[in-house]
Protein backbone atom coordinates (compact mmCIF):
# COMPACT_ATOMS: atom_id res chain seq x y z
CA UNK A 1 6.59 -21.69 16.56
CA UNK A 2 7.36 -20.13 13.17
CA UNK A 3 10.16 -17.66 12.54
CA UNK A 4 8.97 -14.25 11.42
CA UNK A 5 10.56 -13.12 8.16
CA UNK A 6 10.96 -9.66 6.68
CA UNK A 7 8.46 -10.68 4.00
CA UNK A 8 5.82 -11.07 6.70
CA UNK A 9 6.29 -7.47 7.83
CA UNK A 10 6.15 -6.30 4.22
CA UNK A 11 2.84 -8.15 3.84
CA UNK A 12 1.45 -6.06 6.70
CA UNK A 13 2.32 -2.89 4.81
CA UNK A 14 1.09 -4.12 1.42
CA UNK A 15 -2.11 -5.50 2.95
CA UNK A 16 -2.57 -8.35 0.55
CA UNK A 17 -1.02 -6.99 -2.65
CA UNK A 18 -1.03 -9.18 -5.73
CA UNK A 19 0.23 -8.81 -9.28
CA UNK A 20 -1.56 -7.68 -12.40
CA UNK A 21 -3.18 -10.05 -14.84
CA UNK A 22 -1.24 -11.10 -17.90
CA UNK A 23 -1.60 -9.21 -21.15
CA UNK A 24 -3.32 -10.71 -24.19
CA UNK A 25 -1.75 -8.53 -26.89
CA UNK A 26 1.90 -7.78 -27.56
CA UNK A 27 3.06 -4.98 -29.85
CA UNK A 28 6.20 -5.47 -31.93
CA UNK A 29 8.40 -3.13 -33.94
CA UNK A 30 9.55 -5.12 -36.94
CA UNK A 31 12.59 -3.34 -38.33
CA UNK A 32 13.69 -3.55 -41.91
CA UNK A 33 15.86 -1.61 -44.31
CA UNK A 34 12.69 -0.66 -46.16
CA UNK A 35 9.66 0.42 -44.14
CA UNK A 36 9.59 -0.64 -40.48
CA UNK A 37 6.40 -2.46 -39.56
CA UNK A 38 4.43 -1.89 -36.36
CA UNK A 39 2.56 -5.06 -35.51
CA UNK A 40 0.32 -6.57 -32.86
CA UNK A 41 0.03 -10.27 -32.01
CA UNK A 42 -2.33 -12.30 -29.90
CA UNK A 43 -0.09 -13.56 -27.13
CA UNK A 44 -1.95 -16.85 -26.73
CA UNK A 45 -2.04 -17.92 -30.39
CA UNK A 46 0.60 -15.80 -32.14
CA UNK A 47 -2.00 -14.64 -34.68
CA UNK A 48 -1.26 -11.23 -36.14
CA UNK A 49 -3.84 -8.62 -35.12
CA UNK A 50 -2.38 -5.51 -36.76
CA UNK A 51 0.35 -4.71 -39.29
CA UNK A 52 1.13 -1.27 -40.66
CA UNK A 53 4.09 0.83 -41.75
CA UNK A 54 5.50 3.17 -39.13
CA UNK A 55 4.54 6.71 -40.23
CA UNK A 56 7.57 8.42 -41.73
CA UNK A 57 6.62 11.91 -42.87
CA UNK A 58 9.43 13.56 -40.91
CA UNK A 59 12.47 14.28 -43.08
CA UNK A 60 14.82 13.38 -40.21
CA UNK A 61 13.73 9.75 -40.38
CA UNK A 62 15.14 9.18 -43.83
CA UNK A 63 16.29 5.58 -44.22
CA UNK A 64 16.32 4.93 -40.46
CA UNK A 65 14.96 1.51 -39.59
CA UNK A 66 12.92 0.63 -36.50
CA UNK A 67 14.30 0.38 -32.98
CA UNK A 68 12.22 0.90 -29.81
CA UNK A 69 8.48 0.76 -29.08
CA UNK A 70 6.23 1.55 -26.10
CA UNK A 71 2.44 1.55 -25.93
CA UNK A 72 0.67 4.00 -23.61
CA UNK A 73 -3.09 3.58 -23.71
CA UNK A 74 -4.00 3.82 -27.41
CA UNK A 75 -0.80 5.63 -28.38
CA UNK A 76 2.31 4.01 -29.79
CA UNK A 77 5.68 5.64 -29.19
CA UNK A 78 8.58 4.44 -31.33
CA UNK A 79 12.18 5.26 -32.18
CA UNK A 80 14.33 4.89 -35.27
CA UNK A 81 18.06 4.49 -35.81
CA UNK A 82 20.14 7.63 -36.42
CA UNK A 83 17.70 10.11 -34.85
CA UNK A 84 17.19 11.12 -31.19
CA UNK A 85 13.45 11.67 -31.72
CA UNK A 86 10.64 9.69 -30.14
CA UNK A 87 7.70 9.48 -32.55
CA UNK A 88 4.03 8.88 -31.91
CA UNK A 89 1.12 7.22 -33.70
CA UNK A 90 -2.24 5.70 -32.81
CA UNK A 91 -3.08 2.01 -32.36
CA UNK A 92 -6.35 2.42 -34.24
CA UNK A 93 -5.96 5.19 -36.85
CA UNK A 94 -2.20 4.64 -37.52
CA UNK A 95 -2.00 8.36 -38.26
CA UNK A 96 1.30 10.19 -37.93
CA UNK A 97 1.32 12.24 -34.72
CA UNK A 98 4.89 13.34 -35.47
CA UNK A 99 7.60 13.92 -32.85
CA UNK A 100 6.53 13.35 -29.26
CA UNK A 101 9.88 14.62 -27.95
CA UNK A 102 13.58 14.73 -28.71
CA UNK A 103 15.68 12.76 -26.23
CA UNK A 104 18.49 14.82 -24.72
CA UNK A 105 21.01 14.13 -21.99
CA UNK A 106 21.28 16.06 -18.74
CA UNK A 107 23.25 18.81 -20.48
CA UNK A 108 20.53 19.28 -23.10
CA UNK A 109 22.44 17.58 -25.93
CA UNK A 110 20.38 15.31 -28.22
CA UNK A 111 21.41 11.69 -27.93
CA UNK A 112 23.72 10.63 -30.75
CA UNK A 113 23.48 8.93 -33.06
CA UNK A 114 19.98 7.95 -31.94
CA UNK A 115 17.88 5.67 -29.71
CA UNK A 116 18.10 1.91 -29.54
CA UNK A 117 15.51 0.75 -26.99
CA UNK A 118 12.39 2.28 -25.44
CA UNK A 119 10.32 1.34 -22.37
CA UNK A 120 7.42 2.83 -20.41
CA UNK A 121 7.09 2.19 -16.66
CA UNK A 122 3.56 3.54 -16.25
CA UNK A 123 4.74 7.07 -15.48
CA UNK A 124 7.91 7.75 -17.48
CA UNK A 125 9.92 6.68 -20.52
CA UNK A 126 13.29 4.90 -20.36
CA UNK A 127 15.65 4.46 -23.29
CA UNK A 128 19.11 3.43 -24.41
CA UNK A 129 21.14 5.43 -26.92
CA UNK A 130 22.26 3.78 -30.18
CA UNK A 131 25.65 2.25 -30.85
CA UNK A 132 28.42 4.87 -30.63
CA UNK A 133 29.60 6.36 -33.91
CA UNK A 134 32.85 4.43 -33.55
CA UNK A 135 31.85 0.73 -33.56
CA UNK A 136 35.01 -0.11 -31.63
CA UNK A 137 34.06 2.15 -28.71
CA UNK A 138 33.04 0.49 -25.48
CA UNK A 139 29.39 0.90 -24.56
CA UNK A 140 28.88 3.29 -21.63
CA UNK A 141 25.93 1.36 -20.13
CA UNK A 142 23.78 4.49 -19.78
CA UNK A 143 19.99 4.48 -19.73
CA UNK A 144 17.96 7.67 -19.65
CA UNK A 145 14.64 8.43 -17.94
CA UNK A 146 12.17 11.04 -19.24
CA UNK A 147 8.83 12.44 -18.16
CA UNK A 148 5.78 11.79 -20.39
CA UNK A 149 6.47 15.12 -22.12
CA UNK A 150 10.14 14.32 -22.72
CA UNK A 151 11.79 16.20 -19.87
CA UNK A 152 15.07 14.53 -18.88
CA UNK A 153 14.80 13.12 -15.34
CA UNK A 154 18.00 11.16 -14.77
CA UNK A 155 20.77 9.11 -16.32
CA UNK A 156 21.67 5.72 -14.84
CA UNK A 157 24.67 3.57 -15.64
CA UNK A 158 23.89 -0.13 -15.85
CA UNK A 159 27.29 -1.79 -15.66
CA UNK A 160 28.02 -4.70 -17.95
CA UNK A 161 29.73 -7.77 -16.48
CA UNK A 162 32.57 -7.25 -18.96
CA UNK A 163 33.66 -4.63 -21.47
CA UNK A 164 31.66 -4.82 -24.65
CA UNK A 165 30.97 -2.92 -27.85
CA UNK A 166 27.43 -4.33 -28.10
CA UNK A 167 24.78 -1.79 -27.15
CA UNK A 168 21.75 -2.97 -25.19
CA UNK A 169 18.77 -3.49 -27.49
CA UNK A 170 16.38 -5.01 -25.00
CA UNK A 171 15.12 -2.87 -22.10
CA UNK A 172 12.13 -3.17 -19.77
CA UNK A 173 11.29 -1.34 -16.54
CA UNK A 174 9.03 -2.96 -13.94
CA UNK A 175 7.86 -1.87 -10.47
CA UNK A 176 10.74 -3.88 -8.98
CA UNK A 177 13.66 -2.97 -11.24
CA UNK A 178 15.20 -2.68 -14.69
CA UNK A 179 15.82 -5.62 -17.04
CA UNK A 180 18.31 -5.04 -19.85
CA UNK A 181 20.18 -7.36 -22.17
CA UNK A 182 23.81 -7.36 -23.30
CA UNK A 183 23.04 -6.90 -26.99
CA UNK A 184 21.31 -10.29 -26.91
CA UNK A 185 20.70 -12.76 -24.11
CA UNK A 186 21.36 -12.83 -21.26
CA UNK A 187 19.19 -10.14 -19.65
CA UNK A 188 20.50 -8.72 -16.38
CA UNK A 189 18.32 -7.38 -13.54
CA UNK A 190 19.15 -4.01 -11.90
CA UNK A 191 17.69 -1.90 -9.13
CA UNK A 192 16.86 1.76 -9.67
CA UNK A 193 20.31 2.92 -8.56
CA UNK A 194 21.98 0.95 -11.38
CA UNK A 195 23.20 -1.82 -9.05
CA UNK A 196 23.08 -5.25 -10.70
CA UNK A 197 20.85 -7.45 -8.56
CA UNK A 198 21.03 -10.61 -10.66
CA UNK A 199 23.24 -11.15 -13.70
CA UNK A 200 21.81 -13.46 -16.38
CA UNK A 201 18.33 -13.09 -14.88
CA UNK A 202 16.90 -14.34 -18.20
CA UNK A 203 19.02 -16.45 -20.49
CA UNK A 204 18.43 -18.66 -23.55
CA UNK A 205 20.22 -20.33 -26.43
CA UNK A 206 18.59 -18.18 -29.11
CA UNK A 207 19.30 -14.62 -30.24
CA UNK A 208 17.02 -12.19 -28.40
CA UNK A 209 16.38 -8.47 -28.65
CA UNK A 210 13.15 -6.88 -27.45
CA UNK A 211 11.55 -7.63 -24.09
CA UNK A 212 8.27 -6.69 -22.42
CA UNK A 213 6.73 -7.36 -18.99
CA UNK A 214 2.96 -7.59 -18.51
CA UNK A 215 2.87 -7.72 -14.71
CA UNK A 216 3.13 -11.52 -14.64
CA UNK A 217 5.46 -12.73 -17.40
CA UNK A 218 8.42 -11.50 -19.41
CA UNK A 219 8.02 -11.76 -23.19
CA UNK A 220 11.21 -12.02 -25.25
CA UNK A 221 11.49 -12.16 -29.03
CA UNK A 222 13.41 -15.03 -30.66
CA UNK A 223 14.41 -13.14 -33.81
CA UNK A 224 15.75 -16.13 -35.75
CA UNK A 225 12.87 -18.55 -35.25
CA UNK A 226 9.93 -16.14 -35.68
CA UNK A 227 8.50 -16.70 -32.22
CA UNK A 228 8.13 -15.24 -28.75
CA UNK A 229 9.53 -16.84 -25.61
CA UNK A 230 7.57 -16.49 -22.36
CA UNK A 231 9.43 -16.39 -19.03
CA UNK A 232 7.76 -16.11 -15.64
CA UNK A 233 8.40 -13.31 -13.14
CA UNK A 234 11.42 -15.19 -11.80
CA UNK A 235 13.05 -15.40 -15.24
CA UNK A 236 12.23 -19.10 -15.77
CA UNK A 237 11.29 -20.19 -19.30
CA UNK A 238 7.65 -21.24 -19.76
CA UNK A 239 6.84 -21.70 -23.46
CA UNK A 240 7.20 -20.45 -27.04
CA UNK A 241 4.49 -18.69 -29.06
CA UNK A 242 4.97 -19.04 -32.82
CA UNK A 243 4.17 -15.87 -34.80
CA UNK A 244 2.09 -15.80 -37.96
CA UNK A 245 1.41 -13.05 -40.47
CA UNK A 246 2.49 -11.45 -43.74
CA UNK A 247 5.56 -9.67 -42.37
CA UNK A 248 6.75 -12.10 -39.75
CA UNK A 249 10.48 -11.86 -38.90
CA UNK A 250 12.97 -13.57 -41.15
CA UNK A 251 16.04 -15.52 -40.15
CA UNK A 252 18.42 -12.93 -41.58
CA UNK A 253 17.62 -9.49 -40.18
CA UNK A 254 19.95 -7.83 -42.71
CA UNK A 255 17.84 -8.82 -45.70
CA UNK A 256 14.35 -8.79 -44.29
CA UNK A 257 12.22 -8.13 -41.23
CA UNK A 258 13.47 -8.44 -37.68
CA UNK A 259 11.54 -7.66 -34.49
CA UNK A 260 13.75 -5.41 -32.40
CA UNK A 261 11.46 -4.38 -29.55
CA UNK A 262 8.21 -5.40 -27.82
CA UNK A 263 5.61 -3.64 -25.71
CA UNK A 264 2.42 -4.57 -23.87
CA UNK A 265 -0.28 -2.66 -22.08
CA UNK A 266 -0.65 -4.48 -18.77
CA UNK A 267 -3.30 -2.12 -17.41
CA UNK A 268 -6.43 -0.84 -19.09
CA UNK A 269 -5.97 2.24 -21.29
CA UNK A 270 -7.31 5.60 -20.10
CA UNK A 271 -11.10 5.73 -20.24
CA UNK A 272 -12.96 9.03 -20.26
CA UNK A 273 -15.14 9.36 -17.17
CA UNK A 274 -13.16 6.80 -15.16
CA UNK A 275 -11.42 9.37 -13.01
CA UNK A 276 -10.25 8.10 -9.63
CA UNK A 277 -12.56 8.70 -6.67
CA UNK A 278 -11.71 8.35 -2.98
CA UNK A 279 -14.50 6.78 -0.95
CA UNK A 280 -16.22 8.55 1.93
CA UNK A 281 -13.98 7.84 4.89
CA UNK A 282 -11.50 6.39 2.41
CA UNK A 283 -8.23 7.67 3.93
CA UNK A 284 -7.35 5.72 7.07
CA UNK A 285 -4.38 4.64 9.13
CA UNK A 286 -2.67 1.75 7.33
CA UNK A 287 -2.38 -0.29 10.53
CA UNK A 288 -5.74 0.21 12.27
CA UNK A 289 -7.89 0.96 9.18
CA UNK A 290 -9.41 3.76 11.24
CA UNK A 291 -8.93 7.54 10.99
CA UNK A 292 -5.50 8.64 12.12
CA UNK A 293 -2.81 10.30 10.02
CA UNK A 294 0.62 11.45 11.16
CA UNK A 295 3.64 12.66 9.19
CA UNK A 296 5.44 9.55 7.89
CA UNK A 297 2.65 7.14 8.87
CA UNK A 298 1.31 4.45 6.56
CA UNK A 299 -2.09 5.17 5.01
CA UNK A 300 -4.64 3.04 3.21
CA UNK A 301 -6.79 4.77 0.59
CA UNK A 302 -9.93 3.09 -0.74
CA UNK A 303 -12.22 4.12 -3.57
CA UNK A 304 -12.95 3.43 -7.24
CA UNK A 305 -10.80 3.73 -10.38
CA UNK A 306 -7.75 4.41 -8.23
CA UNK A 307 -5.51 2.49 -10.66
CA UNK A 308 -5.83 0.55 -13.89
CA UNK A 309 -3.66 -2.33 -12.65
CA UNK A 310 -2.52 -4.01 -9.45
CA UNK A 311 1.14 -3.77 -8.45
CA UNK A 312 3.42 -3.37 -5.44
CA UNK A 313 6.67 -1.51 -5.04
CA UNK A 314 8.73 -4.70 -4.56
CA UNK A 315 11.09 -2.82 -2.20
CA UNK A 316 12.31 -0.68 -5.09
CA UNK A 317 14.32 2.37 -4.04
CA UNK A 318 14.72 5.27 -6.48
CA UNK A 319 17.34 7.92 -5.72
CA UNK A 320 17.49 6.71 -2.12
CA UNK A 321 13.72 6.86 -1.55
CA UNK A 322 10.60 4.78 -1.99
CA UNK A 323 8.83 5.57 -5.27
CA UNK A 324 6.32 8.42 -5.43
CA UNK A 325 4.77 6.97 -8.60
CA UNK A 326 3.82 3.35 -9.26
CA UNK A 327 2.11 2.11 -12.39
CA UNK A 328 1.26 5.68 -13.37
CA UNK A 329 -0.42 6.34 -10.00
CA UNK A 330 0.63 9.09 -7.59
CA UNK A 331 -0.85 10.43 -4.36
CA UNK A 332 -0.50 13.85 -2.78
CA UNK A 333 -1.01 14.59 0.91
CA UNK A 334 -1.12 18.27 1.68
CA UNK A 335 0.13 18.95 -1.89
CA UNK A 336 3.27 16.88 -1.25
CA UNK A 337 3.92 13.52 -2.95
CA UNK A 338 3.34 10.43 -0.84
CA UNK A 339 5.44 7.26 -1.17
CA UNK A 340 3.50 4.54 -2.98
CA UNK A 341 3.80 0.90 -1.87
CA UNK A 342 0.76 -0.77 -3.44
CA UNK A 343 -1.87 0.09 -6.02
CA UNK A 344 -5.07 -1.55 -7.22
CA UNK A 345 -8.35 -0.24 -8.63
CA UNK A 346 -9.92 -0.22 -5.17
CA UNK A 347 -7.04 0.34 -2.74
CA UNK A 348 -3.72 2.18 -2.50
CA UNK A 349 -1.18 1.99 0.34
CA UNK A 350 1.20 4.91 0.81
CA UNK A 351 3.53 6.42 3.36
CA UNK A 352 2.50 9.97 4.12
CA UNK A 353 5.11 12.65 3.45
CA UNK A 354 6.42 14.98 6.15
CA UNK A 355 3.52 17.42 6.29
CA UNK A 356 2.31 19.87 8.89
CA UNK A 357 -0.55 19.14 11.27
CA UNK A 358 -4.18 20.06 10.68
CA UNK A 359 -6.60 19.45 7.80
CA UNK A 360 -4.87 18.56 4.51
CA UNK A 361 -6.18 17.54 1.07
CA UNK A 362 -5.44 14.03 -0.22
CA UNK A 363 -5.72 13.32 -3.95
CA UNK A 364 -5.03 10.35 -6.25
CA UNK A 365 -3.83 10.89 -9.82
CA UNK A 366 -3.59 8.34 -12.62
CA UNK A 367 -3.88 8.28 -16.41
CA UNK A 368 -7.62 9.00 -16.16
CA UNK A 369 -7.25 12.17 -14.12
CA UNK A 370 -7.13 13.40 -10.53
CA UNK A 371 -9.65 12.61 -7.82
CA UNK A 372 -11.56 15.16 -5.84
CA UNK A 373 -9.67 16.03 -2.68
CA UNK A 374 -10.38 14.11 0.51
CA UNK A 375 -9.73 16.14 3.65
CA UNK A 376 -7.72 14.26 6.26
CA UNK A 377 -6.61 15.60 9.61
CA UNK A 378 -2.91 15.18 10.37
CA UNK A 379 -1.76 14.97 14.00
CA UNK A 380 1.77 14.92 15.37
CA UNK A 381 1.16 11.32 16.46
CA UNK A 382 -1.46 8.79 15.36
CA UNK A 383 -0.20 5.53 16.89
CA UNK A 384 -1.71 2.26 15.75
CA UNK A 385 -0.68 -1.38 15.77
CA UNK A 386 -0.53 -3.52 12.64
CA UNK A 387 -3.09 -6.28 12.81
CA UNK A 388 -3.08 -9.82 11.46
CA UNK A 389 -6.84 -10.05 11.43
CA UNK A 390 -8.97 -6.92 11.88
CA UNK A 391 -11.99 -8.93 13.04
CA UNK A 392 -11.38 -9.60 15.84
CA UNK A 393 -8.62 -7.01 16.06
CA UNK A 394 -5.72 -9.39 16.62
CA UNK A 395 -2.26 -7.98 17.19
CA UNK A 396 0.98 -9.49 15.90
CA UNK A 397 4.08 -9.57 18.06
CA UNK A 398 7.52 -11.11 18.02
CA UNK A 399 9.39 -12.60 20.95
CA UNK A 400 13.03 -11.70 21.39
CA UNK A 401 13.95 -15.21 20.26
CA UNK A 402 12.17 -14.39 16.96
CA UNK A 403 9.31 -16.76 17.67
CA UNK A 404 5.93 -15.34 16.72
CA UNK A 405 3.06 -14.53 19.03
CA UNK A 406 -0.25 -13.97 17.26
CA UNK A 407 -3.38 -13.36 19.23
CA UNK A 408 -6.95 -14.16 18.23
CA UNK A 409 -5.96 -14.70 14.62
CA UNK A 410 -4.06 -16.85 12.16
CA UNK A 411 -1.12 -16.37 9.85
CA UNK A 412 -1.42 -18.16 6.52
CA UNK A 413 -3.35 -20.99 8.18
CA UNK A 414 -1.15 -21.25 11.28
CA UNK A 415 -3.02 -21.67 14.57
CA UNK A 416 -3.24 -18.93 17.16
CA UNK A 417 -0.15 -18.61 19.33
CA UNK A 418 -0.67 -16.60 22.51
CA UNK A 419 1.96 -14.66 24.44
CA UNK A 420 3.12 -16.09 27.73
CA UNK A 421 3.46 -14.26 31.07
CA UNK A 422 7.00 -12.91 31.24
CA UNK A 423 7.47 -12.89 27.44
CA UNK A 424 9.36 -9.98 25.96
CA UNK A 425 7.49 -8.97 22.79
CA UNK A 426 7.98 -6.58 19.94
CA UNK A 427 4.84 -4.86 18.68
CA UNK A 428 4.74 -3.26 15.23
CA UNK A 429 2.94 -0.06 14.46
CA UNK A 430 2.92 3.21 12.57
CA UNK A 431 2.22 6.85 13.36
CA UNK A 432 4.25 7.04 16.59
CA UNK A 433 5.62 10.44 15.60
CA UNK A 434 9.05 12.07 15.29
CA UNK A 435 12.21 10.21 16.21
CA UNK A 436 15.63 11.16 17.48
CA UNK A 437 17.47 11.52 15.19
CA UNK A 438 14.80 12.20 12.59
CA UNK A 439 14.36 10.18 9.38
CA UNK A 440 12.64 11.77 6.37
CA UNK A 441 9.55 9.99 5.07
CA UNK A 442 10.26 7.53 2.28
CA UNK A 443 13.71 6.55 3.55
CA UNK A 444 14.48 3.02 4.71
CA UNK A 445 16.17 3.04 8.10
CA UNK A 446 19.78 1.75 7.83
CA UNK A 447 20.39 -1.45 9.77
CA UNK A 448 23.17 0.14 11.82
CA UNK A 449 21.14 3.15 13.02
CA UNK A 450 18.86 3.66 16.03
CA UNK A 451 16.00 6.14 15.72
CA UNK A 452 14.02 6.38 18.98
CA UNK A 453 10.52 7.78 19.21
CA UNK A 454 9.02 9.73 22.12
CA UNK A 455 8.36 7.77 25.34
CA UNK A 456 5.50 5.30 24.95
CA UNK A 457 3.28 3.87 27.65
CA UNK A 458 1.43 0.60 27.11
CA UNK A 459 -1.68 -0.61 28.91
CA UNK A 460 -2.58 -4.30 28.83
CA UNK A 461 -6.00 -4.56 30.40
CA UNK A 462 -5.50 -2.91 33.79
CA UNK A 463 -1.80 -3.82 33.85
CA UNK A 464 1.11 -1.63 32.78
CA UNK A 465 3.78 -3.75 31.06
CA UNK A 466 7.36 -2.61 31.19
CA UNK A 467 8.30 -0.76 27.98
CA UNK A 468 11.92 -1.17 26.92
CA UNK A 469 11.76 1.32 24.07
CA UNK A 470 10.20 2.48 20.84
CA UNK A 471 12.17 2.92 17.61
CA UNK A 472 11.87 2.73 13.85
CA UNK A 473 12.42 -0.78 12.54
CA UNK A 474 15.70 -1.11 10.58
CA UNK A 475 15.27 -1.86 6.90
CA UNK A 476 11.81 -0.31 6.66
CA UNK A 477 10.16 3.08 6.31
CA UNK A 478 7.59 4.35 8.78
CA UNK A 479 7.45 1.04 10.67
CA UNK A 480 7.89 1.32 14.46
CA UNK A 481 8.68 -1.44 16.92
CA UNK A 482 7.82 -1.23 20.61
CA UNK A 483 9.44 -3.71 23.00
CA UNK A 484 7.42 -4.70 26.08
CA UNK A 485 7.42 -7.45 28.71
CA UNK A 486 4.17 -9.19 29.60
CA UNK A 487 3.85 -9.08 33.42
CA UNK A 488 4.72 -12.46 34.93
CA UNK A 489 1.58 -12.32 37.07
CA UNK A 490 -0.83 -12.01 34.11
CA UNK A 491 -3.63 -14.58 34.16
CA UNK A 492 -4.76 -16.33 30.99
CA UNK A 493 -7.12 -14.24 28.90
CA UNK A 494 -7.63 -11.74 26.09
CA UNK A 495 -6.58 -8.22 27.05
CA UNK A 496 -7.15 -4.88 25.40
CA UNK A 497 -3.80 -3.32 24.53
CA UNK A 498 -3.23 0.35 23.90
CA UNK A 499 -0.23 2.61 23.26
CA UNK A 500 -0.07 6.26 24.30
CA UNK A 501 2.44 8.77 22.94
CA UNK A 502 2.45 12.39 24.16
CA UNK A 503 -1.17 12.06 25.26
CA UNK A 504 -2.42 10.45 22.02
CA UNK A 505 -3.60 6.85 22.29
CA UNK A 506 -4.00 4.08 19.74
CA UNK A 507 -7.59 3.01 18.89
CA UNK A 508 -9.65 0.80 21.17
CA UNK A 509 -10.50 -2.79 20.31
CA UNK A 510 -7.04 -4.29 19.80
CA UNK A 511 -6.53 -7.56 21.65
CA UNK A 512 -3.45 -9.41 22.91
CA UNK A 513 -3.97 -12.95 24.17
CA UNK A 514 -2.00 -14.30 27.13
CA UNK A 515 -1.79 -17.97 28.00
CA UNK A 516 0.60 -19.81 30.30
């Protein structure tokens, strides 16, 4: 039998998530001591698609050369040295749309002397301040997060492996974490608390500045050799793309052009009329795919135009919680933000917030607008088992020795493995209701804590297996595990299995196979 891994449980929650398609166009900010150039290149051929001077009608810009760039739909946001302003122009008209916002710290003080790098995560801007006024000062490692309108959200410190005076000039934010360089390569990988997950995640022998991520690959600029380097999602080098055009970067950035930042649009830009829409019956229990919502339970939402890209949360934790926005997509349940695990144009998986019982509105919001509200009914409990294969409704279990028992279904091509009489199994589910002690929605249960749910009874056909307990699964959010023992007298066969909590039962039709 195969050992069940944590990734397998995560797959149950994500319900088949996959990553976005690669971008075809990369935007570059080509700095110079004259007029910074905003450019676009075909990522397959390196052919230049656009080349224009960054609008500079604001007196504060003065001689400032280019620094950071982010592309949101058809709008380009960019920064310049020696000013804390984020400017805006259009990918098509190239018209000056002036200052989008002025970047300030948590105390309301504009960043000084300016901004070095800029990134967009689908819902917010991230940036790094310029080199300190004193070039001998150690870099503080701070990155700043802002709302789309420029409201300061938080300041994170990304520690450097050693003291340095080189400010980060390559920054990208993905659904799974933050990638930032040390002035050049290497690029380190951080989680959303500022903890370094992997030092030297991307490294190379050339000088590198800007970086972008298109949902599949990382794109890094080789500033000396006038080319882009492509690395896969694991930071492994794939190929170079040579750049061509009138203002391609020169070997010496001090006397000519030098690409300092990159940006891509991994998802489609906002399209008028493509507002998200939740399907009729489109809010269901994330385990059973049937109606049944409880506070903290996993939900699956289906519909059209729900997102412009496909992405999963990658177990990212922000400020101690699962994210409430992913790829520019957010969900509200009863006017409270849900915790988003997976998005795609046709399906979203979220953990419901802690809401009251009764009818509540559910809405989806993305760059194209907000859906009409879907009315879902929230109950104190809505127990349901996670299924490997909904047709037939096959349940997944784990024996105490960590061997897997899958009934009437397969796992990644593995044959069916039935439970045996006398086996002690762990069943996974969601919606089993409050626990003692309670855990707020969106919080991963610490490995050293026990959070028991209300007493659960299990029926297996006409038999009543012994139930050893029901608790939240450590390391996950909203995932319950129920331990039972298959009666030793059970004959071979497929048995309907059902859980009941405080008078509320899981849906019919779920099968557990038993075979000696």
